[in-house]
PDB file of N, CA and C in Angstrom:
ATOM      1  N   UNK A   1      -2.061 -25.196   7.498  1.00  0.00           N
ATOM      2  CA  UNK A   1      -1.249 -26.388   7.667  1.00  0.00           C
ATOM      3  C   UNK A   1      -2.045 -27.604   7.210  1.00  0.00           C
ATOM      4  N   UNK A   2      -1.717 -28.104   6.059  1.00  0.00           N
ATOM      5  CA  UNK A   2      -2.395 -29.301   5.582  1.00  0.00           C
ATOM      6  C   UNK A   2      -3.234 -29.038   4.360  1.00  0.00           C
ATOM      7  N   UNK A   3      -3.721 -30.113   3.772  1.00  0.00           N
ATOM      8  CA  UNK A   3      -4.522 -30.032   2.554  1.00  0.00           C
ATOM      9  C   UNK A   3      -5.956 -29.628   2.874  1.00  0.00           C
ATOM     10  N   UNK A   4      -6.669 -29.079   1.874  1.00  0.00           N
ATOM     11  CA  UNK A   4      -8.075 -28.732   2.091  1.00  0.00           C
ATOM     12  C   UNK A   4      -8.872 -29.967   2.489  1.00  0.00           C
ATOM     13  N   UNK A   5      -9.788 -29.793   3.417  1.00  0.00           N
ATOM     14  CA  UNK A   5     -10.560 -30.928   3.932  1.00  0.00           C
ATOM     15  C   UNK A   5     -11.766 -31.255   3.066  1.00  0.00           C
ATOM     16  N   UNK A   6     -12.166 -30.308   2.196  1.00  0.00           N
ATOM     17  CA  UNK A   6     -13.348 -30.581   1.377  1.00  0.00           C
ATOM     18  C   UNK A   6     -13.007 -31.267   0.058  1.00  0.00           C
ATOM     19  N   UNK A   7     -11.738 -31.569  -0.197  1.00  0.00           N
ATOM     20  CA  UNK A   7     -11.330 -32.291  -1.386  1.00  0.00           C
ATOM     21  C   UNK A   7     -11.128 -31.412  -2.602  1.00  0.00           C
ATOM     22  N   UNK A   8     -11.386 -30.096  -2.494  1.00  0.00           N
ATOM     23  CA  UNK A   8     -11.211 -29.222  -3.647  1.00  0.00           C
ATOM     24  C   UNK A   8      -9.757 -28.784  -3.767  1.00  0.00           C
ATOM     25  N   UNK A   9      -9.307 -28.631  -5.005  1.00  0.00           N
ATOM     26  CA  UNK A   9      -7.947 -28.172  -5.254  1.00  0.00           C
ATOM     27  C   UNK A   9      -7.919 -26.647  -5.182  1.00  0.00           C
ATOM     28  N   UNK A  10      -6.831 -26.057  -4.659  1.00  0.00           N
ATOM     29  CA  UNK A  10      -6.746 -24.600  -4.610  1.00  0.00           C
ATOM     30  C   UNK A  10      -6.690 -24.025  -6.024  1.00  0.00           C
ATOM     31  N   UNK A  11      -7.242 -22.823  -6.176  1.00  0.00           N
ATOM     32  CA  UNK A  11      -7.237 -22.119  -7.459  1.00  0.00           C
ATOM     33  C   UNK A  11      -6.080 -21.131  -7.439  1.00  0.00           C
ATOM     34  N   UNK A  12      -5.239 -21.179  -8.485  1.00  0.00           N
ATOM     35  CA  UNK A  12      -4.081 -20.288  -8.551  1.00  0.00           C
ATOM     36  C   UNK A  12      -4.529 -18.834  -8.501  1.00  0.00           C
ATOM     37  N   UNK A  13      -3.931 -18.051  -7.585  1.00  0.00           N
ATOM     38  CA  UNK A  13      -4.213 -16.633  -7.478  1.00  0.00           C
ATOM     39  C   UNK A  13      -5.424 -16.281  -6.635  1.00  0.00           C
ATOM     40  N   UNK A  14      -6.141 -17.253  -6.118  1.00  0.00           N
ATOM     41  CA  UNK A  14      -7.310 -16.965  -5.303  1.00  0.00           C
ATOM     42  C   UNK A  14      -6.859 -16.518  -3.918  1.00  0.00           C
ATOM     43  N   UNK A  15      -7.275 -15.326  -3.519  1.00  0.00           N
ATOM     44  CA  UNK A  15      -6.854 -14.776  -2.228  1.00  0.00           C
ATOM     45  C   UNK A  15      -7.281 -15.663  -1.072  1.00  0.00           C
ATOM     46  N   UNK A  16      -8.469 -16.216  -1.140  1.00  0.00           N
ATOM     47  CA  UNK A  16      -8.922 -17.062  -0.031  1.00  0.00           C
ATOM     48  C   UNK A  16      -8.115 -18.341   0.043  1.00  0.00           C
ATOM     49  N   UNK A  17      -7.719 -18.889  -1.111  1.00  0.00           N
ATOM     50  CA  UNK A  17      -6.891 -20.090  -1.088  1.00  0.00           C
ATOM     51  C   UNK A  17      -5.498 -19.796  -0.551  1.00  0.00           C
ATOM     52  N   UNK A  18      -4.963 -18.640  -0.904  1.00  0.00           N
ATOM     53  CA  UNK A  18      -3.641 -18.257  -0.398  1.00  0.00           C
ATOM     54  C   UNK A  18      -3.698 -18.100   1.114  1.00  0.00           C
ATOM     55  N   UNK A  19      -4.731 -17.420   1.609  1.00  0.00           N
ATOM     56  CA  UNK A  19      -4.852 -17.246   3.057  1.00  0.00           C
ATOM     57  C   UNK A  19      -5.063 -18.575   3.760  1.00  0.00           C
ATOM     58  N   UNK A  20      -5.872 -19.440   3.174  1.00  0.00           N
ATOM     59  CA  UNK A  20      -6.114 -20.736   3.791  1.00  0.00           C
ATOM     60  C   UNK A  20      -4.838 -21.567   3.814  1.00  0.00           C
ATOM     61  N   UNK A  21      -4.049 -21.437   2.766  1.00  0.00           N
ATOM     62  CA  UNK A  21      -2.823 -22.217   2.658  1.00  0.00           C
ATOM     63  C   UNK A  21      -1.704 -21.687   3.551  1.00  0.00           C
ATOM     64  N   UNK A  22      -1.522 -20.362   3.548  1.00  0.00           N
ATOM     65  CA  UNK A  22      -0.351 -19.784   4.208  1.00  0.00           C
ATOM     66  C   UNK A  22      -0.672 -18.852   5.371  1.00  0.00           C
ATOM     67  N   UNK A  23      -1.902 -18.438   5.531  1.00  0.00           N
ATOM     68  CA  UNK A  23      -2.254 -17.527   6.609  1.00  0.00           C
ATOM     69  C   UNK A  23      -2.408 -18.264   7.932  1.00  0.00           C
ATOM     70  N   UNK A  24      -2.015 -17.609   8.982  1.00  0.00           N
ATOM     71  CA  UNK A  24      -2.085 -18.219  10.319  1.00  0.00           C
ATOM     72  C   UNK A  24      -2.533 -17.156  11.311  1.00  0.00           C
ATOM     73  N   UNK A  25      -3.132 -17.567  12.390  1.00  0.00           N
ATOM     74  CA  UNK A  25      -3.599 -16.595  13.377  1.00  0.00           C
ATOM     75  C   UNK A  25      -2.438 -15.850  14.014  1.00  0.00           C
ATOM     76  N   UNK A  26      -1.234 -16.451  14.051  1.00  0.00           N
ATOM     77  CA  UNK A  26      -0.128 -15.726  14.666  1.00  0.00           C
ATOM     78  C   UNK A  26       0.409 -14.627  13.762  1.00  0.00           C
ATOM     79  N   UNK A  27      -0.154 -14.460  12.565  1.00  0.00           N
ATOM     80  CA  UNK A  27       0.195 -13.352  11.693  1.00  0.00           C
ATOM     81  C   UNK A  27      -0.545 -12.077  12.079  1.00  0.00           C
ATOM     82  N   UNK A  28      -1.504 -12.152  12.979  1.00  0.00           N
ATOM     83  CA  UNK A  28      -2.291 -10.999  13.395  1.00  0.00           C
ATOM     84  C   UNK A  28      -1.745 -10.454  14.708  1.00  0.00           C
ATOM     85  N   UNK A  29      -1.624  -9.129  14.775  1.00  0.00           N
ATOM     86  CA  UNK A  29      -1.061  -8.497  15.969  1.00  0.00           C
ATOM     87  C   UNK A  29      -1.843  -8.855  17.223  1.00  0.00           C
ATOM     88  N   UNK A  30      -3.180  -8.945  17.092  1.00  0.00           N
ATOM     89  CA  UNK A  30      -4.007  -9.233  18.261  1.00  0.00           C
ATOM     90  C   UNK A  30      -3.789 -10.653  18.782  1.00  0.00           C
ATOM     91  N   UNK A  31      -3.320 -11.539  17.924  1.00  0.00           N
ATOM     92  CA  UNK A  31      -3.135 -12.929  18.320  1.00  0.00           C
ATOM     93  C   UNK A  31      -1.676 -13.233  18.651  1.00  0.00           C
ATOM     94  N   UNK A  32      -0.820 -12.228  18.615  1.00  0.00           N
ATOM     95  CA  UNK A  32       0.603 -12.449  18.862  1.00  0.00           C
ATOM     96  C   UNK A  32       0.843 -12.654  20.353  1.00  0.00           C
ATOM     97  N   UNK A  33       0.869 -13.869  20.777  1.00  0.00           N
ATOM     98  CA  UNK A  33       1.066 -14.171  22.194  1.00  0.00           C
ATOM     99  C   UNK A  33       2.381 -14.893  22.439  1.00  0.00           C
ATOM    100  N   UNK A  34       3.270 -14.888  21.453  1.00  0.00           N
ATOM    101  CA  UNK A  34       4.526 -15.607  21.587  1.00  0.00           C
ATOM    102  C   UNK A  34       5.521 -14.891  22.488  1.00  0.00           C
ATOM    103  N   UNK A  35       5.341 -13.601  22.696  1.00  0.00           N
ATOM    104  CA  UNK A  35       6.265 -12.834  23.520  1.00  0.00           C
ATOM    105  C   UNK A  35       5.633 -12.531  24.869  1.00  0.00           C
ATOM    106  N   UNK A  36       6.474 -12.485  25.879  1.00  0.00           N
ATOM    107  CA  UNK A  36       5.972 -12.162  27.208  1.00  0.00           C
ATOM    108  C   UNK A  36       5.594 -10.672  27.247  1.00  0.00           C
ATOM    109  N   UNK A  37       4.744 -10.276  28.178  1.00  0.00           N
ATOM    110  CA  UNK A  37       4.258  -8.882  28.228  1.00  0.00           C
ATOM    111  C   UNK A  37       5.369  -7.846  28.348  1.00  0.00           C
ATOM    112  N   UNK A  38       6.419  -8.144  29.105  1.00  0.00           N
ATOM    113  CA  UNK A  38       7.516  -7.174  29.265  1.00  0.00           C
ATOM    114  C   UNK A  38       8.226  -6.943  27.936  1.00  0.00           C
ATOM    115  N   UNK A  39       8.468  -8.000  27.181  1.00  0.00           N
ATOM    116  CA  UNK A  39       9.122  -7.865  25.881  1.00  0.00           C
ATOM    117  C   UNK A  39       8.240  -7.092  24.914  1.00  0.00           C
ATOM    118  N   UNK A  40       6.946  -7.396  24.909  1.00  0.00           N
ATOM    119  CA  UNK A  40       6.021  -6.658  24.037  1.00  0.00           C
ATOM    120  C   UNK A  40       6.000  -5.180  24.401  1.00  0.00           C
ATOM    121  N   UNK A  41       6.020  -4.867  25.685  1.00  0.00           N
ATOM    122  CA  UNK A  41       6.011  -3.466  26.121  1.00  0.00           C
ATOM    123  C   UNK A  41       7.296  -2.762  25.681  1.00  0.00           C
ATOM    124  N   UNK A  42       8.425  -3.448  25.782  1.00  0.00           N
ATOM    125  CA  UNK A  42       9.694  -2.868  25.355  1.00  0.00           C
ATOM    126  C   UNK A  42       9.700  -2.616  23.851  1.00  0.00           C
ATOM    127  N   UNK A  43       9.198  -3.579  23.080  1.00  0.00           N
ATOM    128  CA  UNK A  43       9.134  -3.399  21.632  1.00  0.00           C
ATOM    129  C   UNK A  43       8.165  -2.289  21.246  1.00  0.00           C
ATOM    130  N   UNK A  44       7.069  -2.161  21.976  1.00  0.00           N
ATOM    131  CA  UNK A  44       6.127  -1.072  21.706  1.00  0.00           C
ATOM    132  C   UNK A  44       6.777   0.274  21.996  1.00  0.00           C
ATOM    133  N   UNK A  45       7.544   0.350  23.081  1.00  0.00           N
ATOM    134  CA  UNK A  45       8.238   1.598  23.406  1.00  0.00           C
ATOM    135  C   UNK A  45       9.244   1.950  22.311  1.00  0.00           C
ATOM    136  N   UNK A  46       9.945   0.947  21.798  1.00  0.00           N
ATOM    137  CA  UNK A  46      10.895   1.183  20.699  1.00  0.00           C
ATOM    138  C   UNK A  46      10.159   1.685  19.466  1.00  0.00           C
ATOM    139  N   UNK A  47       9.037   1.078  19.157  1.00  0.00           N
ATOM    140  CA  UNK A  47       8.259   1.483  17.994  1.00  0.00           C
ATOM    141  C   UNK A  47       7.731   2.909  18.152  1.00  0.00           C
ATOM    142  N   UNK A  48       7.297   3.258  19.345  1.00  0.00           N
ATOM    143  CA  UNK A  48       6.826   4.624  19.601  1.00  0.00           C
ATOM    144  C   UNK A  48       7.948   5.639  19.354  1.00  0.00           C
ATOM    145  N   UNK A  49       9.156   5.300  19.809  1.00  0.00           N
ATOM    146  CA  UNK A  49      10.299   6.192  19.595  1.00  0.00           C
ATOM    147  C   UNK A  49      10.645   6.292  18.107  1.00  0.00           C
ATOM    148  N   UNK A  50      10.552   5.180  17.394  1.00  0.00           N
ATOM    149  CA  UNK A  50      10.831   5.205  15.959  1.00  0.00           C
ATOM    150  C   UNK A  50       9.833   6.092  15.220  1.00  0.00           C
ATOM    151  N   UNK A  51       8.553   6.030  15.619  1.00  0.00           N
ATOM    152  CA  UNK A  51       7.548   6.877  14.984  1.00  0.00           C
ATOM    153  C   UNK A  51       7.820   8.352  15.286  1.00  0.00           C
ATOM    154  N   UNK A  52       8.255   8.648  16.488  1.00  0.00           N
ATOM    155  CA  UNK A  52       8.591  10.031  16.825  1.00  0.00           C
ATOM    156  C   UNK A  52       9.767  10.518  15.981  1.00  0.00           C
ATOM    157  N   UNK A  53      10.756   9.655  15.813  1.00  0.00           N
ATOM    158  CA  UNK A  53      11.899   9.980  14.968  1.00  0.00           C
ATOM    159  C   UNK A  53      11.458  10.208  13.527  1.00  0.00           C
ATOM    160  N   UNK A  54      10.602   9.332  13.022  1.00  0.00           N
ATOM    161  CA  UNK A  54      10.075   9.465  11.665  1.00  0.00           C
ATOM    162  C   UNK A  54       9.336  10.790  11.489  1.00  0.00           C
ATOM    163  N   UNK A  55       8.568  11.182  12.484  1.00  0.00           N
ATOM    164  CA  UNK A  55       7.845  12.442  12.412  1.00  0.00           C
ATOM    165  C   UNK A  55       8.776  13.633  12.269  1.00  0.00           C
ATOM    166  N   UNK A  56       9.862  13.616  13.029  1.00  0.00           N
ATOM    167  CA  UNK A  56      10.839  14.708  12.933  1.00  0.00           C
ATOM    168  C   UNK A  56      11.547  14.689  11.575  1.00  0.00           C
ATOM    169  N   UNK A  57      11.853  13.509  11.075  1.00  0.00           N
ATOM    170  CA  UNK A  57      12.493  13.414   9.767  1.00  0.00           C
ATOM    171  C   UNK A  57      11.582  13.961   8.666  1.00  0.00           C
ATOM    172  N   UNK A  58      10.309  13.665   8.766  1.00  0.00           N
ATOM    173  CA  UNK A  58       9.356  14.162   7.765  1.00  0.00           C
ATOM    174  C   UNK A  58       9.203  15.681   7.822  1.00  0.00           C
ATOM    175  N   UNK A  59       9.498  16.245   8.971  1.00  0.00           N
ATOM    176  CA  UNK A  59       9.444  17.701   9.117  1.00  0.00           C
ATOM    177  C   UNK A  59      10.760  18.358   8.694  1.00  0.00           C
ATOM    178  N   UNK A  60      11.731  17.533   8.264  1.00  0.00           N
ATOM    179  CA  UNK A  60      13.019  18.072   7.835  1.00  0.00           C
ATOM    180  C   UNK A  60      13.926  18.446   8.984  1.00  0.00           C
ATOM    181  N   UNK A  61      13.743  17.764  10.120  1.00  0.00           N
ATOM    182  CA  UNK A  61      14.524  18.058  11.323  1.00  0.00           C
ATOM    183  C   UNK A  61      15.345  16.831  11.755  1.00  0.00           C
ATOM    184  N   UNK A  62      16.365  16.440  10.976  1.00  0.00           N
ATOM    185  CA  UNK A  62      17.115  15.223  11.339  1.00  0.00           C
ATOM    186  C   UNK A  62      17.814  15.312  12.695  1.00  0.00           C
ATOM    187  N   UNK A  63      18.255  16.508  13.069  1.00  0.00           N
ATOM    188  CA  UNK A  63      18.924  16.637  14.367  1.00  0.00           C
ATOM    189  C   UNK A  63      17.956  16.407  15.525  1.00  0.00           C
ATOM    190  N   UNK A  64      16.674  16.723  15.314  1.00  0.00           N
ATOM    191  CA  UNK A  64      15.667  16.474  16.344  1.00  0.00           C
ATOM    192  C   UNK A  64      15.191  15.026  16.329  1.00  0.00           C
ATOM    193  N   UNK A  65      15.430  14.315  15.219  1.00  0.00           N
ATOM    194  CA  UNK A  65      15.025  12.913  15.114  1.00  0.00           C
ATOM    195  C   UNK A  65      16.009  11.981  15.817  1.00  0.00           C
ATOM    196  N   UNK A  66      17.272  12.374  15.880  1.00  0.00           N
ATOM    197  CA  UNK A  66      18.301  11.495  16.439  1.00  0.00           C
ATOM    198  C   UNK A  66      18.048  11.029  17.864  1.00  0.00           C
ATOM    199  N   UNK A  67      17.650  11.898  18.794  1.00  0.00           N
ATOM    200  CA  UNK A  67      17.423  11.405  20.164  1.00  0.00           C
ATOM    201  C   UNK A  67      16.372  10.288  20.227  1.00  0.00           C
ATOM    202  N   UNK A  68      15.311  10.431  19.442  1.00  0.00           N
ATOM    203  CA  UNK A  68      14.287   9.385  19.403  1.00  0.00           C
ATOM    204  C   UNK A  68      14.860   8.086  18.828  1.00  0.00           C
ATOM    205  N   UNK A  69      15.669   8.216  17.800  1.00  0.00           N
ATOM    206  CA  UNK A  69      16.264   7.036  17.179  1.00  0.00           C
ATOM    207  C   UNK A  69      17.187   6.321  18.164  1.00  0.00           C
ATOM    208  N   UNK A  70      17.963   7.094  18.915  1.00  0.00           N
ATOM    209  CA  UNK A  70      18.863   6.488  19.898  1.00  0.00           C
ATOM    210  C   UNK A  70      18.087   5.797  21.031  1.00  0.00           C
ATOM    211  N   UNK A  71      16.983   6.415  21.438  1.00  0.00           N
ATOM    212  CA  UNK A  71      16.160   5.782  22.477  1.00  0.00           C
ATOM    213  C   UNK A  71      15.568   4.470  21.948  1.00  0.00           C
ATOM    214  N   UNK A  72      15.110   4.495  20.700  1.00  0.00           N
ATOM    215  CA  UNK A  72      14.566   3.271  20.090  1.00  0.00           C
ATOM    216  C   UNK A  72      15.637   2.194  20.040  1.00  0.00           C
ATOM    217  N   UNK A  73      16.841   2.559  19.644  1.00  0.00           N
ATOM    218  CA  UNK A  73      17.941   1.591  19.585  1.00  0.00           C
ATOM    219  C   UNK A  73      18.230   1.011  20.963  1.00  0.00           C
ATOM    220  N   UNK A  74      18.159   1.851  21.988  1.00  0.00           N
ATOM    221  CA  UNK A  74      18.363   1.369  23.352  1.00  0.00           C
ATOM    222  C   UNK A  74      17.308   0.332  23.750  1.00  0.00           C
ATOM    223  N   UNK A  75      16.045   0.593  23.405  1.00  0.00           N
ATOM    224  CA  UNK A  75      14.992  -0.372  23.701  1.00  0.00           C
ATOM    225  C   UNK A  75      15.209  -1.666  22.935  1.00  0.00           C
ATOM    226  N   UNK A  76      15.607  -1.562  21.675  1.00  0.00           N
ATOM    227  CA  UNK A  76      15.825  -2.765  20.860  1.00  0.00           C
ATOM    228  C   UNK A  76      16.969  -3.595  21.415  1.00  0.00           C
ATOM    229  N   UNK A  77      18.012  -2.929  21.894  1.00  0.00           N
ATOM    230  CA  UNK A  77      19.156  -3.659  22.467  1.00  0.00           C
ATOM    231  C   UNK A  77      18.791  -4.368  23.770  1.00  0.00           C
ATOM    232  N   UNK A  78      17.752  -3.873  24.452  1.00  0.00           N
ATOM    233  CA  UNK A  78      17.305  -4.546  25.687  1.00  0.00           C
ATOM    234  C   UNK A  78      16.874  -5.955  25.355  1.00  0.00           C
TER     235      UNK A  78
END
């Protein structure tokens, strides 16, 4: 947020300049404190169910993936 403090102009395509310009600490999972703990726990539970569903899909078992997907949807709707 804001111009560089050392007076240097950003270099086009420089990864450090892009991060300095647009990167923020709230982009990191460890720094994500915008949600209350209960909401984060619910979203984590949904994500866990989605990964379980994905695992079954990768094994070629779509009928076994559906229950996990429905549980994830239930958590997301919460």
